[in-house]
N, C-alpha and C. Protein backbone atom coordinates (compact mmCIF):
# COMPACT_ATOMS: atom_id res chain seq x y z
N MET A 1 98.99 109.08 89.03
CA MET A 1 97.74 108.33 89.39
C MET A 1 98.51 106.88 89.83
N LEU A 2 98.03 106.28 90.80
CA LEU A 2 97.93 104.98 91.24
C LEU A 2 96.13 104.10 90.72
N THR A 3 96.57 103.11 89.64
CA THR A 3 95.11 102.93 89.09
C THR A 3 94.79 101.57 89.50
N ASN A 4 95.79 100.87 90.13
CA ASN A 4 95.24 99.10 90.47
C ASN A 4 94.17 99.16 91.40
N PRO A 5 93.25 98.19 91.30
CA PRO A 5 92.58 98.56 92.55
C PRO A 5 92.72 98.11 93.54
N LYS A 6 93.46 96.60 93.54
CA LYS A 6 94.05 96.28 94.90
C LYS A 6 94.84 96.86 95.50
N LEU A 7 95.32 97.49 94.63
CA LEU A 7 96.74 98.51 95.11
C LEU A 7 95.89 99.43 96.10
N LEU A 8 94.62 99.93 95.19
CA LEU A 8 94.07 101.13 95.93
C LEU A 8 93.70 101.37 97.02
N ARG A 9 92.61 99.99 97.43
CA ARG A 9 92.26 99.37 98.18
C ARG A 9 93.29 99.19 99.73
N ALA A 10 94.07 98.73 99.10
CA ALA A 10 95.14 98.78 100.55
C ALA A 10 95.69 99.85 101.29
N ILE A 11 95.81 100.73 100.01
CA ILE A 11 96.24 102.17 100.44
C ILE A 11 95.46 102.66 101.30
N GLY A 12 94.15 102.60 100.73
CA GLY A 12 93.24 103.60 101.64
C GLY A 12 92.99 102.57 102.48
N HIS A 13 93.12 101.54 103.19
CA HIS A 13 93.35 100.54 104.60
C HIS A 13 94.32 101.24 105.26
N GLU A 14 95.16 101.34 104.69
CA GLU A 14 96.62 102.24 105.16
C GLU A 14 96.27 103.15 105.96
N LEU A 15 95.99 104.19 105.29
CA LEU A 15 95.78 105.77 105.33
C LEU A 15 94.09 105.43 106.58
N ARG A 16 93.32 104.81 106.32
CA ARG A 16 92.04 104.95 107.07
C ARG A 16 92.64 104.41 109.02
N THR A 17 92.96 103.30 108.90
CA THR A 17 93.75 102.35 109.60
C THR A 17 94.79 103.67 110.16
N ALA A 18 95.37 104.31 110.11
CA ALA A 18 96.54 105.19 110.59
C ALA A 18 95.58 106.56 110.98
N ARG A 19 94.34 106.98 110.47
CA ARG A 19 93.59 108.20 110.83
C ARG A 19 92.81 107.43 112.18
N GLU A 20 92.27 106.21 112.01
CA GLU A 20 91.74 105.79 113.36
C GLU A 20 92.30 105.68 114.82
N ASP A 21 93.91 104.81 114.14
CA ASP A 21 94.63 105.00 114.88
C ASP A 21 95.36 106.32 116.22
N LEU A 22 94.99 107.39 115.07
CA LEU A 22 95.32 108.94 116.06
C LEU A 22 93.82 109.44 116.70
N GLY A 23 93.14 108.52 116.37
CA GLY A 23 91.64 109.00 117.05
C GLY A 23 91.16 110.05 116.00
N TRP A 24 91.44 110.65 114.59
CA TRP A 24 91.12 111.80 114.09
C TRP A 24 89.80 111.19 112.97
N THR A 25 88.75 112.26 113.19
CA THR A 25 87.60 111.69 112.51
C THR A 25 88.22 112.33 110.58
N ARG A 26 87.42 112.20 109.54
CA ARG A 26 88.30 113.05 108.62
C ARG A 26 87.85 114.07 108.27
N ALA A 27 87.29 114.74 108.93
CA ALA A 27 86.86 116.22 108.91
C ALA A 27 88.24 116.89 110.01
N GLN A 28 88.56 116.07 110.78
CA GLN A 28 90.27 116.61 111.52
C GLN A 28 91.38 116.07 110.34
N LEU A 29 91.23 115.06 109.75
CA LEU A 29 92.08 115.09 108.88
C LEU A 29 92.38 116.12 107.97
N VAL A 30 91.29 116.70 107.47
CA VAL A 30 90.93 117.64 106.17
C VAL A 30 91.61 118.57 107.09
N ALA A 31 91.01 119.03 108.01
CA ALA A 31 92.11 120.36 108.52
C ALA A 31 93.26 120.84 108.59
N ARG A 32 93.45 119.66 108.86
CA ARG A 32 95.61 119.50 108.79
C ARG A 32 96.14 119.21 107.63
N LEU A 33 95.29 119.29 106.44
CA LEU A 33 95.54 119.43 105.04
C LEU A 33 96.02 120.89 104.39
N ASP A 34 97.03 120.98 103.49
CA ASP A 34 97.14 122.30 103.62
C ASP A 34 96.75 122.53 101.80
N PHE A 35 95.60 121.59 101.49
CA PHE A 35 95.10 121.67 100.06
C PHE A 35 93.39 121.26 100.61
N ASP A 36 92.92 121.92 99.57
CA ASP A 36 91.49 122.00 99.79
C ASP A 36 90.63 120.33 99.36
N VAL A 37 90.13 119.69 100.14
CA VAL A 37 89.37 118.64 99.65
C VAL A 37 88.72 118.50 100.97
N HIS A 38 87.38 117.89 100.54
CA HIS A 38 86.07 117.52 101.20
C HIS A 38 85.91 115.99 102.07
N SER A 39 86.05 116.26 103.11
CA SER A 39 86.06 114.44 104.03
C SER A 39 85.25 113.87 103.17
N GLN A 40 84.49 113.36 102.40
CA GLN A 40 83.85 112.29 101.38
C GLN A 40 84.50 111.98 100.79
N THR A 41 85.53 112.59 100.10
CA THR A 41 86.96 112.93 99.24
C THR A 41 87.58 112.00 99.72
N ILE A 42 87.82 112.10 101.25
CA ILE A 42 88.79 111.48 101.61
C ILE A 42 88.22 109.68 102.23
N ALA A 43 87.32 110.41 102.36
CA ALA A 43 86.42 108.95 102.03
C ALA A 43 87.07 107.44 101.06
N THR A 44 86.35 108.11 99.88
CA THR A 44 86.65 107.57 98.95
C THR A 44 88.15 106.95 98.24
N TYR A 45 89.10 107.86 98.97
CA TYR A 45 90.48 107.41 99.15
C TYR A 45 90.69 106.25 100.12
N GLU A 46 90.53 105.93 100.85
CA GLU A 46 90.09 105.37 101.75
C GLU A 46 89.55 104.12 101.45
N LEU A 47 88.38 104.05 100.67
CA LEU A 47 88.15 102.77 100.59
C LEU A 47 88.52 102.32 99.41
N GLY A 48 89.27 102.93 98.61
CA GLY A 48 89.78 102.66 97.32
C GLY A 48 88.73 102.25 96.49
N ILE A 49 88.17 103.78 96.14
CA ILE A 49 87.11 103.89 94.92
C ILE A 49 87.63 105.06 94.27
N ARG A 50 88.31 105.69 94.49
CA ARG A 50 88.58 106.68 93.67
C ARG A 50 90.69 106.61 94.08
N GLN A 51 90.84 107.13 92.84
CA GLN A 51 92.29 107.76 92.84
C GLN A 51 92.69 108.67 93.25
N CYS A 52 93.91 108.42 94.11
CA CYS A 52 94.40 109.96 94.90
C CYS A 52 96.20 110.33 93.72
N THR A 53 96.28 111.56 93.49
CA THR A 53 97.64 111.96 93.04
C THR A 53 98.68 111.43 93.84
N LEU A 54 99.59 111.42 93.47
CA LEU A 54 100.91 110.83 94.36
C LEU A 54 100.97 112.35 95.24
N GLY A 55 100.64 113.68 95.28
CA GLY A 55 100.88 114.62 95.45
C GLY A 55 99.76 114.71 96.61
N ARG A 56 98.61 114.96 96.64
CA ARG A 56 97.93 114.09 98.06
C ARG A 56 97.98 113.07 98.69
N PHE A 57 98.47 112.29 97.80
CA PHE A 57 98.84 110.83 98.85
C PHE A 57 99.86 111.57 99.77
N VAL A 58 101.08 111.38 99.38
CA VAL A 58 102.45 112.26 100.11
C VAL A 58 101.94 113.32 101.74
N ALA A 59 100.72 114.15 100.59
CA ALA A 59 100.13 115.31 101.45
C ALA A 59 99.36 114.62 102.99
N ILE A 60 98.68 113.84 102.80
CA ILE A 60 97.95 112.89 103.67
C ILE A 60 98.83 111.97 104.33
N CYS A 61 99.52 110.95 103.77
CA CYS A 61 100.91 110.88 104.82
C CYS A 61 101.62 111.24 105.77
N GLU A 62 101.98 112.66 104.98
CA GLU A 62 103.04 113.46 106.05
C GLU A 62 101.50 114.22 107.25
N ALA A 63 100.42 114.48 106.87
CA ALA A 63 99.24 115.12 108.15
C ALA A 63 99.07 113.97 108.90
N LEU A 64 99.26 112.70 108.31
CA LEU A 64 99.45 111.22 109.61
C LEU A 64 100.71 111.09 110.37
N GLY A 65 101.39 112.08 109.71
CA GLY A 65 103.07 111.15 109.96
C GLY A 65 103.29 109.84 109.58
N LEU A 66 103.38 109.96 108.18
CA LEU A 66 103.81 108.55 107.90
C LEU A 66 104.61 108.88 106.71
N PRO A 67 105.93 108.38 106.68
CA PRO A 67 106.28 107.87 105.37
C PRO A 67 105.52 107.17 104.35
N ALA A 68 105.61 108.33 103.36
CA ALA A 68 104.58 107.53 102.03
C ALA A 68 105.42 106.87 101.63
N PRO A 69 106.44 106.43 101.45
CA PRO A 69 106.97 105.23 100.95
C PRO A 69 106.71 103.97 101.63
N ASP A 70 106.58 103.97 103.13
CA ASP A 70 106.46 102.70 103.88
C ASP A 70 105.03 102.48 103.85
N VAL A 71 103.98 103.79 103.47
CA VAL A 71 102.91 103.49 103.36
C VAL A 71 102.58 102.36 102.21
N LEU A 72 103.46 102.83 101.30
CA LEU A 72 103.28 102.58 99.80
C LEU A 72 103.72 100.72 99.74
N GLU A 73 105.04 100.89 100.30
CA GLU A 73 105.31 99.34 100.25
C GLU A 73 104.44 98.52 100.95
N THR A 74 103.94 98.75 102.51
CA THR A 74 103.04 97.79 103.19
C THR A 74 102.16 97.73 102.13
N ALA A 75 101.23 98.56 101.48
CA ALA A 75 99.95 98.75 100.94
C ALA A 75 100.50 97.61 99.91
N MET A 76 101.46 97.79 98.98
CA MET A 76 102.10 96.99 98.18
C MET A 76 102.07 94.75 98.68
N ARG A 77 102.77 95.34 99.17
CA ARG A 77 102.94 93.63 100.00
C ARG A 77 101.54 93.15 100.30
N HIS A 78 100.35 94.14 101.14
CA HIS A 78 98.99 93.43 101.30
C HIS A 78 98.67 93.17 100.15
N ALA A 79 98.74 93.98 99.30
CA ALA A 79 97.77 93.75 97.65
C ALA A 79 98.68 92.65 96.99
N GLU A 80 99.67 92.20 97.76
CA GLU A 80 100.59 90.84 96.46
C GLU A 80 100.85 91.74 95.51
N VAL A 81 101.35 93.00 94.76
CA VAL A 81 101.27 93.93 93.76
C VAL A 81 102.83 93.72 93.70
N GLU A 82 103.52 93.37 92.39
CA GLU A 82 104.91 93.84 92.08
C GLU A 82 105.26 95.02 91.66
N PRO A 83 106.26 95.64 92.21
CA PRO A 83 106.73 97.01 91.32
C PRO A 83 106.34 96.95 89.79
N HIS A 84 107.11 96.15 89.26
CA HIS A 84 107.42 96.13 88.06
C HIS A 84 105.82 95.70 87.15
N LEU A 85 104.84 95.34 87.95
CA LEU A 85 103.58 95.66 87.61
C LEU A 85 102.48 96.92 87.22
N LEU A 86 103.59 97.62 87.91
CA LEU A 86 102.67 99.23 88.13
C LEU A 86 103.37 99.85 86.94
N VAL A 87 102.18 101.19 86.62
CA VAL A 87 102.87 102.39 85.30
C VAL A 87 104.60 102.33 85.75
N CYS A 88 104.94 102.93 84.93
CA CYS A 88 106.16 103.60 85.46
C CYS A 88 106.54 104.85 84.37
N SER A 89 106.98 105.74 85.37
CA SER A 89 106.97 107.08 85.41
C SER A 89 108.54 107.07 84.65
N VAL A 90 108.60 108.12 83.31
CA VAL A 90 110.20 107.92 82.81
C VAL A 90 110.82 109.19 82.41
N ASP A 91 111.37 109.85 83.11
CA ASP A 91 111.99 111.12 82.09
C ASP A 91 112.72 110.99 80.70
N LEU A 92 112.11 111.61 80.30
CA LEU A 92 112.76 110.82 78.44
C LEU A 92 113.64 111.43 78.64
N ARG A 93 114.39 112.42 79.16
CA ARG A 93 115.55 113.26 79.00
C ARG A 93 116.63 112.70 79.64
N ALA A 94 116.16 112.13 80.78
CA ALA A 94 117.12 111.36 81.83
C ALA A 94 117.69 109.82 81.05
N LEU A 95 117.09 109.27 80.43
CA LEU A 95 116.33 108.18 79.84
C LEU A 95 117.78 108.79 78.13
N VAL A 96 117.64 109.40 77.86
CA VAL A 96 118.64 110.06 76.51
C VAL A 96 119.89 110.23 77.44
N ARG A 97 120.04 110.84 78.28
CA ARG A 97 121.98 110.82 78.99
C ARG A 97 122.35 109.54 79.14
N ASP A 98 121.35 108.51 79.16
CA ASP A 98 121.98 107.55 80.34
C ASP A 98 122.95 107.12 78.94
N ARG A 99 124.00 106.70 79.19
CA ARG A 99 124.60 106.02 78.21
C ARG A 99 124.83 104.21 78.55
N ALA A 100 123.83 103.53 79.09
CA ALA A 100 124.32 101.95 79.01
C ALA A 100 123.72 101.59 77.75
N PRO A 101 124.77 100.57 77.47
CA PRO A 101 124.74 100.36 75.56
C PRO A 101 122.97 99.42 75.56
N GLU A 102 122.82 98.62 76.32
CA GLU A 102 121.74 98.28 76.08
C GLU A 102 120.41 98.82 76.42
N LEU A 103 120.51 100.16 76.32
CA LEU A 103 119.31 100.77 76.70
C LEU A 103 119.48 101.48 74.86
N GLU A 104 120.36 101.42 74.46
CA GLU A 104 120.39 102.11 72.86
C GLU A 104 119.08 102.13 72.20
N PRO A 105 118.32 101.10 72.15
CA PRO A 105 117.03 100.87 71.70
C PRO A 105 115.72 101.82 71.68
N VAL A 106 115.89 102.01 73.25
CA VAL A 106 114.54 102.42 74.23
C VAL A 106 115.27 104.18 74.34
N ARG A 107 116.65 104.41 73.88
CA ARG A 107 117.45 105.70 74.09
C ARG A 107 116.98 106.63 72.60
N ARG A 108 117.11 105.54 71.86
CA ARG A 108 116.61 106.30 70.03
C ARG A 108 115.14 106.77 70.26
N TRP A 109 114.42 105.72 70.94
CA TRP A 109 112.87 106.38 70.92
C TRP A 109 112.85 107.30 71.88
N ALA A 110 113.17 108.14 72.91
CA ALA A 110 113.30 108.50 73.62
C ALA A 110 113.61 110.21 72.97
N SER A 111 114.50 109.67 71.84
CA SER A 111 115.27 111.52 71.59
C SER A 111 114.31 111.49 70.93
N HIS A 112 113.74 110.45 69.69
CA HIS A 112 112.44 110.62 68.75
C HIS A 112 111.40 111.39 69.64
N ARG A 113 111.14 110.60 70.57
CA ARG A 113 109.52 111.03 71.16
C ARG A 113 109.84 113.18 71.53
N LEU A 114 111.16 113.34 72.18
CA LEU A 114 111.41 113.96 72.91
C LEU A 114 111.24 115.01 71.95
N LEU A 115 111.65 115.16 70.12
CA LEU A 115 111.89 115.89 68.87
C LEU A 115 110.70 116.47 68.26
N THR A 116 109.99 114.86 68.62
CA THR A 116 108.71 115.41 67.62
C THR A 116 107.33 115.46 68.61
N GLN A 117 108.11 115.78 69.73
CA GLN A 117 106.52 116.37 70.87
C GLN A 117 107.05 117.09 71.53
N PRO A 118 107.88 118.48 70.97
CA PRO A 118 108.36 118.62 72.39
C PRO A 118 108.10 119.51 73.74
N ALA A 119 106.28 119.74 73.09
CA ALA A 119 105.54 120.59 74.45
C ALA A 119 105.39 119.78 75.42
N ASP A 120 105.37 118.78 75.66
CA ASP A 120 104.99 117.71 76.51
C ASP A 120 106.46 118.48 77.63
N ASP A 121 105.97 117.64 78.58
CA ASP A 121 107.11 117.79 79.83
C ASP A 121 107.99 116.90 79.54
N GLY A 122 108.38 116.05 78.74
CA GLY A 122 109.49 114.90 78.90
C GLY A 122 108.76 113.70 79.67
N VAL A 123 108.18 113.49 80.32
CA VAL A 123 107.96 112.27 81.13
C VAL A 123 106.75 111.88 80.46
N VAL A 124 107.23 110.40 80.53
CA VAL A 124 105.47 109.39 79.84
C VAL A 124 105.82 108.39 80.88
N HIS A 125 104.08 107.68 80.86
CA HIS A 125 104.00 106.64 81.90
C HIS A 125 103.98 105.36 80.71
N LEU A 126 104.46 104.65 81.13
CA LEU A 126 104.46 103.39 80.46
C LEU A 126 103.81 102.25 80.67
N GLU A 127 102.88 101.52 80.40
CA GLU A 127 102.13 100.27 81.13
C GLU A 127 103.11 99.50 80.79
N PRO A 128 102.84 98.23 81.72
CA PRO A 128 103.42 97.23 82.09
C PRO A 128 103.84 96.30 80.59
N LYS A 129 102.96 96.17 79.83
CA LYS A 129 102.83 95.78 78.50
C LYS A 129 104.11 96.17 77.89
N THR A 130 103.69 97.34 77.57
CA THR A 130 104.61 98.72 77.14
C THR A 130 106.18 98.29 77.58
N VAL A 131 106.77 97.78 78.68
CA VAL A 131 107.87 98.29 79.36
C VAL A 131 108.31 96.47 79.06
N ALA A 132 107.26 95.88 78.95
CA ALA A 132 107.43 94.12 79.14
C ALA A 132 108.33 93.85 77.04
N GLU A 133 107.17 95.07 76.04
CA GLU A 133 107.80 94.72 75.01
C GLU A 133 108.68 95.68 74.27
N LEU A 134 109.41 96.95 75.31
CA LEU A 134 110.61 97.33 74.92
C LEU A 134 111.96 96.91 75.66
N ALA A 135 111.50 95.89 76.34
CA ALA A 135 112.53 94.66 77.27
C ALA A 135 112.84 94.16 75.94
N VAL A 136 112.25 93.42 75.13
CA VAL A 136 112.44 92.76 74.07
C VAL A 136 114.05 93.40 73.15
N PHE A 137 113.45 94.68 72.60
CA PHE A 137 114.50 95.63 72.21
C PHE A 137 115.96 95.37 72.91
N CYS A 138 115.93 95.79 74.29
CA CYS A 138 116.66 95.64 74.50
C CYS A 138 117.65 94.46 75.47
N GLY A 139 117.10 93.58 75.19
CA GLY A 139 117.84 91.96 75.27
C GLY A 139 117.81 91.58 76.50
N LEU A 140 116.41 93.05 77.32
CA LEU A 140 116.36 92.76 78.82
C LEU A 140 115.07 91.84 79.45
N SER A 141 115.43 91.54 80.63
CA SER A 141 113.49 91.07 81.26
C SER A 141 113.01 92.50 81.18
N HIS A 142 111.44 91.79 81.42
CA HIS A 142 110.70 93.50 82.03
C HIS A 142 110.81 93.77 83.08
N VAL A 143 111.42 93.22 84.19
CA VAL A 143 111.40 93.23 85.73
C VAL A 143 112.70 93.80 85.44
N GLU A 144 113.87 93.85 84.32
CA GLU A 144 115.07 94.62 84.44
C GLU A 144 115.11 96.03 84.13
N LEU A 145 114.24 96.27 82.66
CA LEU A 145 114.34 97.10 81.85
C LEU A 145 113.16 97.90 83.19
N PHE A 146 112.21 97.85 83.56
CA PHE A 146 111.70 98.44 84.90
C PHE A 146 112.67 99.38 85.94
N GLU A 147 113.14 98.46 86.49
CA GLU A 147 114.31 98.87 87.10
C GLU A 147 115.20 99.51 86.90
N ARG A 148 115.63 99.68 85.36
CA ARG A 148 116.76 100.52 85.33
C ARG A 148 115.70 102.01 84.99
N LEU A 149 114.58 101.72 84.17
CA LEU A 149 113.89 102.89 84.11
C LEU A 149 113.89 103.98 85.56
N ILE A 150 113.16 103.28 86.30
CA ILE A 150 112.97 104.05 87.39
C ILE A 150 114.21 104.22 88.28
N ALA A 151 115.19 103.67 87.82
CA ALA A 151 116.11 104.15 88.73
C ALA A 151 116.96 105.61 88.28
N LEU A 152 116.54 105.84 86.48
CA LEU A 152 117.00 107.04 86.36
C LEU A 152 116.41 108.26 86.82
N PRO A 153 117.77 109.49 87.20
CA PRO A 153 117.34 110.29 88.13
C PRO A 153 116.53 111.34 87.13
N ALA A 154 115.84 112.08 87.81
CA ALA A 154 115.34 112.74 86.97
C ALA A 154 115.95 114.26 86.65
N GLU A 155 114.79 115.13 85.41
CA GLU A 155 115.97 115.82 85.04
C GLU A 155 115.65 116.85 85.91
N VAL A 156 117.15 117.63 86.48
CA VAL A 156 117.40 118.78 86.97
C VAL A 156 116.90 119.94 86.33
N GLU A 157 116.00 120.83 86.86
CA GLU A 157 115.40 122.43 86.57
C GLU A 157 116.91 123.26 86.77
N SER A 158 117.41 124.22 85.74
CA SER A 158 117.97 125.15 85.89
C SER A 158 117.38 126.42 85.92
């Protein structure tokens, strides 16, 4: 989920502008989506007053013929949001596999978390403050740890 209010408004603006540039109503956009959603829900996304899941965001972008990463990058620039100030999703299994020595403190934490909470999917969502606190243990800056964590490959299901 994207939760930063400035970013939500900027994303909504990008989606609304793209839809209007195509000359589509919200109902016409809804008709092109592969999931059930009301046009009023699209309006709340466009106004930035309702959170949109990543899956829906990507589907809406695809329906509009836009690359989702480009929309997000443009919205982040307009909202003046630095990536490291967002929630960081981390696959703990990928973190445990990483052998970088500086990540040893968070690797131990990730291993413990996977052992004590085996029922979850192994993905955690870390607030910026948490990443900053973990960075201290690794001897890295907040930004360095954030970039390392988001660069970890996701677990491949076999």
